[in-house]
């Protein structure tokens, strides 16, 4: 009789590939909800978010617990749990005010 190997823990999201719900929260107060597998790379989520909000993917930055999220990161690699939230920052150009004379 062969022994069955014990399952290894796969981050806080549960078993490998199990879907979790992620909230992407923008600084303007809008939230977009996604259901993704714990093995899905954030580059895919970033592309889906950009398409949904009509922005270029190159202008979007994700933060989880104040730390930048890389394109190759996954929910499992960041120990994310179901219903966790990611903050999104959209790149802004300009915004400098002319000095008054």
PDB file of N, CA and C in Angstrom:
ATOM      1  N   UNK A   1       0.825  -1.172   0.000  1.00  0.00           N
ATOM      2  CA  UNK A   1       0.000   0.000   0.000  1.00  0.00           C
ATOM      3  C   UNK A   1       0.875   1.244   0.000  1.00  0.00           C
ATOM      4  N   UNK A   2       0.584   2.168  -0.885  1.00  0.00           N
ATOM      5  CA  UNK A   2       1.350   3.412  -0.906  1.00  0.00           C
ATOM      6  C   UNK A   2       0.603   4.473  -0.104  1.00  0.00           C
ATOM      7  N   UNK A   3       1.380   5.319   0.533  1.00  0.00           N
ATOM      8  CA  UNK A   3       0.774   6.381   1.333  1.00  0.00           C
ATOM      9  C   UNK A   3       0.413   7.558   0.437  1.00  0.00           C
ATOM     10  N   UNK A   4      -0.714   8.169   0.722  1.00  0.00           N
ATOM     11  CA  UNK A   4      -1.118   9.368  -0.008  1.00  0.00           C
ATOM     12  C   UNK A   4      -0.350  10.556   0.558  1.00  0.00           C
ATOM     13  N   UNK A   5       0.252  11.376  -0.311  1.00  0.00           N
ATOM     14  CA  UNK A   5       0.943  12.555   0.208  1.00  0.00           C
ATOM     15  C   UNK A   5      -0.067  13.546   0.772  1.00  0.00           C
ATOM     16  N   UNK A   6       0.336  14.204   1.862  1.00  0.00           N
ATOM     17  CA  UNK A   6      -0.543  15.200   2.459  1.00  0.00           C
ATOM     18  C   UNK A   6      -0.560  16.440   1.573  1.00  0.00           C
ATOM     19  N   UNK A   7      -1.716  17.054   1.412  1.00  0.00           N
ATOM     20  CA  UNK A   7      -1.771  18.261   0.590  1.00  0.00           C
ATOM     21  C   UNK A   7      -0.965  19.386   1.225  1.00  0.00           C
ATOM     22  N   UNK A   8      -0.275  20.127   0.379  1.00  0.00           N
ATOM     23  CA  UNK A   8       0.518  21.255   0.862  1.00  0.00           C
ATOM     24  C   UNK A   8      -0.353  22.506   0.860  1.00  0.00           C
ATOM     25  N   UNK A   9      -0.185  23.369   1.867  1.00  0.00           N
ATOM     26  CA  UNK A   9      -0.968  24.603   1.873  1.00  0.00           C
ATOM     27  C   UNK A   9      -0.573  25.490   0.701  1.00  0.00           C
ATOM     28  N   UNK A  10      -1.553  26.158   0.119  1.00  0.00           N
ATOM     29  CA  UNK A  10      -1.329  27.002  -1.060  1.00  0.00           C
ATOM     30  C   UNK A  10      -1.744  28.435  -0.768  1.00  0.00           C
ATOM     31  N   UNK A  11      -1.101  29.115   0.146  1.00  0.00           N
ATOM     32  CA  UNK A  11      -1.467  30.495   0.444  1.00  0.00           C
ATOM     33  C   UNK A  11      -2.797  30.551   1.179  1.00  0.00           C
ATOM     34  N   UNK A  12      -3.264  31.742   1.422  1.00  0.00           N
ATOM     35  CA  UNK A  12      -4.499  31.919   2.174  1.00  0.00           C
ATOM     36  C   UNK A  12      -5.739  31.757   1.302  1.00  0.00           C
ATOM     37  N   UNK A  13      -5.575  31.774  -0.020  1.00  0.00           N
ATOM     38  CA  UNK A  13      -6.718  31.704  -0.912  1.00  0.00           C
ATOM     39  C   UNK A  13      -7.323  30.326  -1.013  1.00  0.00           C
ATOM     40  N   UNK A  14      -6.695  29.337  -0.459  1.00  0.00           N
ATOM     41  CA  UNK A  14      -7.232  27.987  -0.525  1.00  0.00           C
ATOM     42  C   UNK A  14      -6.418  27.138  -1.463  1.00  0.00           C
ATOM     43  N   UNK A  15      -6.987  26.008  -1.899  1.00  0.00           N
ATOM     44  CA  UNK A  15      -6.266  25.106  -2.789  1.00  0.00           C
ATOM     45  C   UNK A  15      -5.865  25.790  -4.090  1.00  0.00           C
ATOM     46  N   UNK A  16      -4.837  25.244  -4.693  1.00  0.00           N
ATOM     47  CA  UNK A  16      -4.298  25.828  -5.924  1.00  0.00           C
ATOM     48  C   UNK A  16      -5.391  25.948  -6.979  1.00  0.00           C
ATOM     49  N   UNK A  17      -5.537  27.154  -7.510  1.00  0.00           N
ATOM     50  CA  UNK A  17      -6.484  27.386  -8.579  1.00  0.00           C
ATOM     51  C   UNK A  17      -7.916  27.649  -8.142  1.00  0.00           C
ATOM     52  N   UNK A  18      -8.180  27.635  -6.846  1.00  0.00           N
ATOM     53  CA  UNK A  18      -9.539  27.886  -6.370  1.00  0.00           C
ATOM     54  C   UNK A  18      -9.898  29.352  -6.611  1.00  0.00           C
ATOM     55  N   UNK A  19     -11.082  29.633  -7.157  1.00  0.00           N
ATOM     56  CA  UNK A  19     -11.446  31.028  -7.413  1.00  0.00           C
ATOM     57  C   UNK A  19     -11.740  31.801  -6.131  1.00  0.00           C
ATOM     58  N   UNK A  20     -11.345  33.067  -6.138  1.00  0.00           N
ATOM     59  CA  UNK A  20     -11.651  33.982  -5.043  1.00  0.00           C
ATOM     60  C   UNK A  20     -12.207  35.265  -5.650  1.00  0.00           C
ATOM     61  N   UNK A  21     -12.904  36.031  -4.832  1.00  0.00           N
ATOM     62  CA  UNK A  21     -13.456  37.313  -5.262  1.00  0.00           C
ATOM     63  C   UNK A  21     -12.514  38.424  -4.825  1.00  0.00           C
ATOM     64  N   UNK A  22     -12.169  39.298  -5.767  1.00  0.00           N
ATOM     65  CA  UNK A  22     -11.257  40.410  -5.512  1.00  0.00           C
ATOM     66  C   UNK A  22     -11.981  41.707  -5.859  1.00  0.00           C
ATOM     67  N   UNK A  23     -11.860  42.699  -4.985  1.00  0.00           N
ATOM     68  CA  UNK A  23     -12.416  44.020  -5.263  1.00  0.00           C
ATOM     69  C   UNK A  23     -11.270  44.939  -5.668  1.00  0.00           C
ATOM     70  N   UNK A  24     -11.418  45.617  -6.806  1.00  0.00           N
ATOM     71  CA  UNK A  24     -10.435  46.601  -7.258  1.00  0.00           C
ATOM     72  C   UNK A  24     -11.048  47.969  -6.982  1.00  0.00           C
ATOM     73  N   UNK A  25     -10.445  48.707  -6.040  1.00  0.00           N
ATOM     74  CA  UNK A  25     -10.999  49.971  -5.572  1.00  0.00           C
ATOM     75  C   UNK A  25     -10.201  51.144  -6.121  1.00  0.00           C
ATOM     76  N   UNK A  26     -10.892  52.046  -6.794  1.00  0.00           N
ATOM     77  CA  UNK A  26     -10.269  53.233  -7.369  1.00  0.00           C
ATOM     78  C   UNK A  26     -10.314  54.378  -6.364  1.00  0.00           C
ATOM     79  N   UNK A  27      -9.421  55.348  -6.530  1.00  0.00           N
ATOM     80  CA  UNK A  27      -9.374  56.489  -5.621  1.00  0.00           C
ATOM     81  C   UNK A  27     -10.603  57.390  -5.766  1.00  0.00           C
ATOM     82  N   UNK A  28     -11.349  57.260  -6.872  1.00  0.00           N
ATOM     83  CA  UNK A  28     -12.560  58.068  -7.046  1.00  0.00           C
ATOM     84  C   UNK A  28     -13.789  57.409  -6.414  1.00  0.00           C
ATOM     85  N   UNK A  29     -13.591  56.300  -5.734  1.00  0.00           N
ATOM     86  CA  UNK A  29     -14.675  55.649  -5.007  1.00  0.00           C
ATOM     87  C   UNK A  29     -15.397  54.540  -5.750  1.00  0.00           C
ATOM     88  N   UNK A  30     -15.028  54.284  -7.003  1.00  0.00           N
ATOM     89  CA  UNK A  30     -15.682  53.206  -7.747  1.00  0.00           C
ATOM     90  C   UNK A  30     -14.975  51.886  -7.488  1.00  0.00           C
ATOM     91  N   UNK A  31     -15.756  50.839  -7.355  1.00  0.00           N
ATOM     92  CA  UNK A  31     -15.230  49.498  -7.129  1.00  0.00           C
ATOM     93  C   UNK A  31     -15.634  48.602  -8.286  1.00  0.00           C
ATOM     94  N   UNK A  32     -14.702  47.749  -8.707  1.00  0.00           N
ATOM     95  CA  UNK A  32     -14.988  46.748  -9.725  1.00  0.00           C
ATOM     96  C   UNK A  32     -14.638  45.399  -9.113  1.00  0.00           C
ATOM     97  N   UNK A  33     -15.552  44.446  -9.206  1.00  0.00           N
ATOM     98  CA  UNK A  33     -15.361  43.131  -8.596  1.00  0.00           C
ATOM     99  C   UNK A  33     -15.010  42.098  -9.661  1.00  0.00           C
ATOM    100  N   UNK A  34     -14.045  41.233  -9.316  1.00  0.00           N
ATOM    101  CA  UNK A  34     -13.613  40.166 -10.206  1.00  0.00           C
ATOM    102  C   UNK A  34     -13.577  38.860  -9.434  1.00  0.00           C
ATOM    103  N   UNK A  35     -13.842  37.768 -10.124  1.00  0.00           N
ATOM    104  CA  UNK A  35     -13.674  36.428  -9.564  1.00  0.00           C
ATOM    105  C   UNK A  35     -12.563  35.778 -10.368  1.00  0.00           C
ATOM    106  N   UNK A  36     -11.423  35.512  -9.703  1.00  0.00           N
ATOM    107  CA  UNK A  36     -10.259  34.962 -10.396  1.00  0.00           C
ATOM    108  C   UNK A  36      -9.696  33.787  -9.612  1.00  0.00           C
ATOM    109  N   UNK A  37      -8.955  32.945 -10.312  1.00  0.00           N
ATOM    110  CA  UNK A  37      -8.271  31.835  -9.652  1.00  0.00           C
ATOM    111  C   UNK A  37      -7.049  32.373  -8.913  1.00  0.00           C
ATOM    112  N   UNK A  38      -6.644  31.665  -7.875  1.00  0.00           N
ATOM    113  CA  UNK A  38      -5.493  32.107  -7.091  1.00  0.00           C
ATOM    114  C   UNK A  38      -4.186  31.984  -7.867  1.00  0.00           C
ATOM    115  N   UNK A  39      -4.223  31.316  -9.016  1.00  0.00           N
ATOM    116  CA  UNK A  39      -3.019  31.161  -9.837  1.00  0.00           C
ATOM    117  C   UNK A  39      -2.984  32.135 -11.016  1.00  0.00           C
ATOM    118  N   UNK A  40      -4.003  32.977 -11.154  1.00  0.00           N
ATOM    119  CA  UNK A  40      -4.066  33.938 -12.260  1.00  0.00           C
ATOM    120  C   UNK A  40      -3.093  35.086 -12.014  1.00  0.00           C
ATOM    121  N   UNK A  41      -2.308  35.417 -13.025  1.00  0.00           N
ATOM    122  CA  UNK A  41      -1.363  36.529 -12.895  1.00  0.00           C
ATOM    123  C   UNK A  41      -2.119  37.851 -12.935  1.00  0.00           C
ATOM    124  N   UNK A  42      -1.590  38.826 -12.194  1.00  0.00           N
ATOM    125  CA  UNK A  42      -2.254  40.118 -12.128  1.00  0.00           C
ATOM    126  C   UNK A  42      -2.188  40.886 -13.441  1.00  0.00           C
ATOM    127  N   UNK A  43      -1.311  40.512 -14.352  1.00  0.00           N
ATOM    128  CA  UNK A  43      -1.297  41.152 -15.670  1.00  0.00           C
ATOM    129  C   UNK A  43      -2.634  40.924 -16.374  1.00  0.00           C
ATOM    130  N   UNK A  44      -3.210  39.751 -16.198  1.00  0.00           N
ATOM    131  CA  UNK A  44      -4.507  39.439 -16.806  1.00  0.00           C
ATOM    132  C   UNK A  44      -5.622  40.256 -16.150  1.00  0.00           C
ATOM    133  N   UNK A  45      -5.585  40.368 -14.833  1.00  0.00           N
ATOM    134  CA  UNK A  45      -6.582  41.158 -14.117  1.00  0.00           C
ATOM    135  C   UNK A  45      -6.455  42.636 -14.484  1.00  0.00           C
ATOM    136  N   UNK A  46      -5.224  43.115 -14.607  1.00  0.00           N
ATOM    137  CA  UNK A  46      -4.990  44.510 -14.965  1.00  0.00           C
ATOM    138  C   UNK A  46      -5.555  44.817 -16.352  1.00  0.00           C
ATOM    139  N   UNK A  47      -5.369  43.903 -17.294  1.00  0.00           N
ATOM    140  CA  UNK A  47      -5.910  44.083 -18.648  1.00  0.00           C
ATOM    141  C   UNK A  47      -7.436  44.119 -18.630  1.00  0.00           C
ATOM    142  N   UNK A  48      -8.042  43.222 -17.863  1.00  0.00           N
ATOM    143  CA  UNK A  48      -9.504  43.183 -17.765  1.00  0.00           C
ATOM    144  C   UNK A  48     -10.037  44.461 -17.119  1.00  0.00           C
ATOM    145  N   UNK A  49      -9.350  44.934 -16.089  1.00  0.00           N
ATOM    146  CA  UNK A  49      -9.775  46.172 -15.425  1.00  0.00           C
ATOM    147  C   UNK A  49      -9.653  47.360 -16.375  1.00  0.00           C
ATOM    148  N   UNK A  50      -8.526  47.453 -17.085  1.00  0.00           N
ATOM    149  CA  UNK A  50      -8.309  48.561 -18.019  1.00  0.00           C
ATOM    150  C   UNK A  50      -9.394  48.595 -19.088  1.00  0.00           C
ATOM    151  N   UNK A  51      -9.742  47.432 -19.602  1.00  0.00           N
ATOM    152  CA  UNK A  51     -10.782  47.360 -20.624  1.00  0.00           C
ATOM    153  C   UNK A  51     -12.133  47.796 -20.054  1.00  0.00           C
ATOM    154  N   UNK A  52     -12.419  47.380 -18.832  1.00  0.00           N
ATOM    155  CA  UNK A  52     -13.713  47.702 -18.232  1.00  0.00           C
ATOM    156  C   UNK A  52     -13.869  49.197 -17.950  1.00  0.00           C
ATOM    157  N   UNK A  53     -12.769  49.871 -17.546  1.00  0.00           N
ATOM    158  CA  UNK A  53     -12.873  51.296 -17.213  1.00  0.00           C
ATOM    159  C   UNK A  53     -12.446  52.201 -18.366  1.00  0.00           C
ATOM    160  N   UNK A  54     -12.001  51.610 -19.470  1.00  0.00           N
ATOM    161  CA  UNK A  54     -11.646  52.403 -20.640  1.00  0.00           C
ATOM    162  C   UNK A  54     -10.328  53.140 -20.521  1.00  0.00           C
ATOM    163  N   UNK A  55      -9.370  52.569 -19.830  1.00  0.00           N
ATOM    164  CA  UNK A  55      -8.040  53.163 -19.666  1.00  0.00           C
ATOM    165  C   UNK A  55      -7.004  52.275 -20.329  1.00  0.00           C
ATOM    166  N   UNK A  56      -5.834  52.855 -20.586  1.00  0.00           N
ATOM    167  CA  UNK A  56      -4.720  52.076 -21.119  1.00  0.00           C
ATOM    168  C   UNK A  56      -4.095  51.266 -19.987  1.00  0.00           C
ATOM    169  N   UNK A  57      -3.772  50.019 -20.263  1.00  0.00           N
ATOM    170  CA  UNK A  57      -3.196  49.148 -19.230  1.00  0.00           C
ATOM    171  C   UNK A  57      -1.860  49.701 -18.719  1.00  0.00           C
ATOM    172  N   UNK A  58      -1.156  50.466 -19.546  1.00  0.00           N
ATOM    173  CA  UNK A  58       0.148  51.008 -19.133  1.00  0.00           C
ATOM    174  C   UNK A  58       0.018  52.136 -18.111  1.00  0.00           C
ATOM    175  N   UNK A  59      -1.188  52.661 -17.909  1.00  0.00           N
ATOM    176  CA  UNK A  59      -1.387  53.755 -16.955  1.00  0.00           C
ATOM    177  C   UNK A  59      -1.925  53.276 -15.610  1.00  0.00           C
ATOM    178  N   UNK A  60      -2.082  51.967 -15.449  1.00  0.00           N
ATOM    179  CA  UNK A  60      -2.701  51.411 -14.240  1.00  0.00           C
ATOM    180  C   UNK A  60      -1.652  50.770 -13.340  1.00  0.00           C
ATOM    181  N   UNK A  61      -1.749  51.061 -12.035  1.00  0.00           N
ATOM    182  CA  UNK A  61      -0.886  50.449 -11.031  1.00  0.00           C
ATOM    183  C   UNK A  61      -1.768  49.870  -9.931  1.00  0.00           C
ATOM    184  N   UNK A  62      -1.479  48.624  -9.537  1.00  0.00           N
ATOM    185  CA  UNK A  62      -2.211  47.972  -8.453  1.00  0.00           C
ATOM    186  C   UNK A  62      -1.371  48.002  -7.179  1.00  0.00           C
ATOM    187  N   UNK A  63      -2.047  48.176  -6.040  1.00  0.00           N
ATOM    188  CA  UNK A  63      -1.418  48.119  -4.721  1.00  0.00           C
ATOM    189  C   UNK A  63      -2.220  47.174  -3.841  1.00  0.00           C
ATOM    190  N   UNK A  64      -1.513  46.331  -3.096  1.00  0.00           N
ATOM    191  CA  UNK A  64      -2.165  45.456  -2.123  1.00  0.00           C
ATOM    192  C   UNK A  64      -1.483  45.672  -0.786  1.00  0.00           C
ATOM    193  N   UNK A  65      -2.234  46.098   0.202  1.00  0.00           N
ATOM    194  CA  UNK A  65      -1.698  46.437   1.523  1.00  0.00           C
ATOM    195  C   UNK A  65      -0.559  47.444   1.414  1.00  0.00           C
ATOM    196  N   UNK A  66      -0.691  48.409   0.498  1.00  0.00           N
ATOM    197  CA  UNK A  66       0.296  49.472   0.338  1.00  0.00           C
ATOM    198  C   UNK A  66       1.531  49.102  -0.448  1.00  0.00           C
ATOM    199  N   UNK A  67       1.599  47.878  -0.945  1.00  0.00           N
ATOM    200  CA  UNK A  67       2.758  47.401  -1.698  1.00  0.00           C
ATOM    201  C   UNK A  67       2.372  47.220  -3.160  1.00  0.00           C
ATOM    202  N   UNK A  68       3.268  47.653  -4.060  1.00  0.00           N
ATOM    203  CA  UNK A  68       3.005  47.522  -5.491  1.00  0.00           C
ATOM    204  C   UNK A  68       2.854  46.054  -5.873  1.00  0.00           C
ATOM    205  N   UNK A  69       1.889  45.780  -6.738  1.00  0.00           N
ATOM    206  CA  UNK A  69       1.632  44.429  -7.232  1.00  0.00           C
ATOM    207  C   UNK A  69       2.256  44.306  -8.615  1.00  0.00           C
ATOM    208  N   UNK A  70       3.113  43.310  -8.801  1.00  0.00           N
ATOM    209  CA  UNK A  70       3.757  43.082 -10.089  1.00  0.00           C
ATOM    210  C   UNK A  70       2.862  42.311 -11.038  1.00  0.00           C
ATOM    211  N   UNK A  71       3.142  42.436 -12.323  1.00  0.00           N
ATOM    212  CA  UNK A  71       2.343  41.734 -13.328  1.00  0.00           C
ATOM    213  C   UNK A  71       2.423  40.220 -13.181  1.00  0.00           C
ATOM    214  N   UNK A  72       3.548  39.701 -12.683  1.00  0.00           N
ATOM    215  CA  UNK A  72       3.715  38.255 -12.535  1.00  0.00           C
ATOM    216  C   UNK A  72       3.246  37.732 -11.180  1.00  0.00           C
ATOM    217  N   UNK A  73       2.825  38.623 -10.288  1.00  0.00           N
ATOM    218  CA  UNK A  73       2.284  38.192  -8.997  1.00  0.00           C
ATOM    219  C   UNK A  73       0.926  37.528  -9.203  1.00  0.00           C
ATOM    220  N   UNK A  74       0.559  36.671  -8.264  1.00  0.00           N
ATOM    221  CA  UNK A  74      -0.747  36.016  -8.257  1.00  0.00           C
ATOM    222  C   UNK A  74      -1.373  36.210  -6.873  1.00  0.00           C
ATOM    223  N   UNK A  75      -2.676  36.026  -6.742  1.00  0.00           N
ATOM    224  CA  UNK A  75      -3.271  36.096  -5.407  1.00  0.00           C
ATOM    225  C   UNK A  75      -2.616  35.120  -4.422  1.00  0.00           C
ATOM    226  N   UNK A  76      -2.246  33.937  -4.889  1.00  0.00           N
ATOM    227  CA  UNK A  76      -1.591  32.961  -4.007  1.00  0.00           C
ATOM    228  C   UNK A  76      -0.225  33.463  -3.554  1.00  0.00           C
ATOM    229  N   UNK A  77       0.534  34.089  -4.458  1.00  0.00           N
ATOM    230  CA  UNK A  77       1.877  34.554  -4.090  1.00  0.00           C
ATOM    231  C   UNK A  77       1.819  35.716  -3.102  1.00  0.00           C
ATOM    232  N   UNK A  78       0.687  36.425  -3.063  1.00  0.00           N
ATOM    233  CA  UNK A  78       0.510  37.532  -2.121  1.00  0.00           C
ATOM    234  C   UNK A  78      -0.316  37.132  -0.901  1.00  0.00           C
ATOM    235  N   UNK A  79      -0.623  35.840  -0.770  1.00  0.00           N
ATOM    236  CA  UNK A  79      -1.428  35.309   0.341  1.00  0.00           C
ATOM    237  C   UNK A  79      -2.766  36.032   0.471  1.00  0.00           C
ATOM    238  N   UNK A  80      -3.399  36.284  -0.663  1.00  0.00           N
ATOM    239  CA  UNK A  80      -4.692  36.964  -0.651  1.00  0.00           C
ATOM    240  C   UNK A  80      -5.803  35.988  -0.283  1.00  0.00           C
ATOM    241  N   UNK A  81      -6.841  36.527   0.322  1.00  0.00           N
ATOM    242  CA  UNK A  81      -8.009  35.751   0.708  1.00  0.00           C
ATOM    243  C   UNK A  81      -9.226  36.235  -0.071  1.00  0.00           C
ATOM    244  N   UNK A  82     -10.283  35.439  -0.032  1.00  0.00           N
ATOM    245  CA  UNK A  82     -11.539  35.818  -0.660  1.00  0.00           C
ATOM    246  C   UNK A  82     -12.014  37.153  -0.088  1.00  0.00           C
ATOM    247  N   UNK A  83     -12.517  38.026  -0.946  1.00  0.00           N
ATOM    248  CA  UNK A  83     -13.044  39.348  -0.601  1.00  0.00           C
ATOM    249  C   UNK A  83     -11.961  40.380  -0.273  1.00  0.00           C
ATOM    250  N   UNK A  84     -10.686  40.094  -0.567  1.00  0.00           N
ATOM    251  CA  UNK A  84      -9.639  41.092  -0.367  1.00  0.00           C
ATOM    252  C   UNK A  84      -9.798  42.213  -1.381  1.00  0.00           C
ATOM    253  N   UNK A  85      -9.182  43.344  -1.067  1.00  0.00           N
ATOM    254  CA  UNK A  85      -9.304  44.524  -1.912  1.00  0.00           C
ATOM    255  C   UNK A  85      -7.933  44.962  -2.417  1.00  0.00           C
ATOM    256  N   UNK A  86      -7.897  45.381  -3.679  1.00  0.00           N
ATOM    257  CA  UNK A  86      -6.697  45.935  -4.298  1.00  0.00           C
ATOM    258  C   UNK A  86      -6.997  47.392  -4.608  1.00  0.00           C
ATOM    259  N   UNK A  87      -6.067  48.277  -4.283  1.00  0.00           N
ATOM    260  CA  UNK A  87      -6.207  49.678  -4.648  1.00  0.00           C
ATOM    261  C   UNK A  87      -5.606  49.876  -6.025  1.00  0.00           C
ATOM    262  N   UNK A  88      -6.248  50.715  -6.832  1.00  0.00           N
ATOM    263  CA  UNK A  88      -5.741  50.990  -8.171  1.00  0.00           C
ATOM    264  C   UNK A  88      -5.428  52.480  -8.276  1.00  0.00           C
ATOM    265  N   UNK A  89      -4.286  52.773  -8.865  1.00  0.00           N
ATOM    266  CA  UNK A  89      -3.871  54.143  -9.127  1.00  0.00           C
ATOM    267  C   UNK A  89      -3.758  54.319 -10.635  1.00  0.00           C
ATOM    268  N   UNK A  90      -4.319  55.411 -11.137  1.00  0.00           N
ATOM    269  CA  UNK A  90      -4.255  55.727 -12.555  1.00  0.00           C
ATOM    270  C   UNK A  90      -3.227  56.835 -12.727  1.00  0.00           C
ATOM    271  N   UNK A  91      -2.299  56.630 -13.656  1.00  0.00           N
ATOM    272  CA  UNK A  91      -1.255  57.613 -13.915  1.00  0.00           C
ATOM    273  C   UNK A  91      -1.878  58.928 -14.375  1.00  0.00           C
ATOM    274  N   UNK A  92      -1.374  60.020 -13.817  1.00  0.00           N
ATOM    275  CA  UNK A  92      -1.845  61.340 -14.210  1.00  0.00           C
ATOM    276  C   UNK A  92      -0.685  62.124 -14.800  1.00  0.00           C
ATOM    277  N   UNK A  93      -0.954  62.839 -15.868  1.00  0.00           N
ATOM    278  CA  UNK A  93       0.045  63.686 -16.499  1.00  0.00           C
ATOM    279  C   UNK A  93      -0.328  65.134 -16.212  1.00  0.00           C
ATOM    280  N   UNK A  94       0.655  65.895 -15.782  1.00  0.00           N
ATOM    281  CA  UNK A  94       0.399  67.311 -15.518  1.00  0.00           C
ATOM    282  C   UNK A  94      -0.156  67.512 -14.133  1.00  0.00           C
ATOM    283  N   UNK A  95      -0.986  68.543 -14.013  1.00  0.00           N
ATOM    284  CA  UNK A  95      -1.582  68.831 -12.718  1.00  0.00           C
ATOM    285  C   UNK A  95      -0.858  69.917 -11.956  1.00  0.00           C
ATOM    286  N   UNK A  96       0.199  70.451 -12.538  1.00  0.00           N
ATOM    287  CA  UNK A  96       0.953  71.507 -11.877  1.00  0.00           C
ATOM    288  C   UNK A  96       0.253  72.842 -12.112  1.00  0.00           C
ATOM    289  N   UNK A  97       0.127  73.619 -11.089  1.00  0.00           N
ATOM    290  CA  UNK A  97      -0.522  74.916 -11.197  1.00  0.00           C
ATOM    291  C   UNK A  97       0.517  75.988 -11.467  1.00  0.00           C
ATOM    292  N   UNK A  98       0.170  76.930 -12.321  1.00  0.00           N
ATOM    293  CA  UNK A  98       1.085  78.039 -12.602  1.00  0.00           C
ATOM    294  C   UNK A  98       1.194  78.917 -11.364  1.00  0.00           C
ATOM    295  N   UNK A  99       2.389  79.337 -11.045  1.00  0.00           N
ATOM    296  CA  UNK A  99       2.528  80.237  -9.889  1.00  0.00           C
ATOM    297  C   UNK A  99       1.877  81.591 -10.176  1.00  0.00           C
ATOM    298  N   UNK A 100       1.240  82.156  -9.170  1.00  0.00           N
ATOM    299  CA  UNK A 100       0.616  83.472  -9.354  1.00  0.00           C
ATOM    300  C   UNK A 100       1.682  84.550  -9.242  1.00  0.00           C
ATOM    301  N   UNK A 101       1.494  85.594 -10.005  1.00  0.00           N
ATOM    302  CA  UNK A 101       2.476  86.694 -10.022  1.00  0.00           C
ATOM    303  C   UNK A 101       2.072  87.809  -9.134  1.00  0.00           C
TER     304      UNK A 101
END
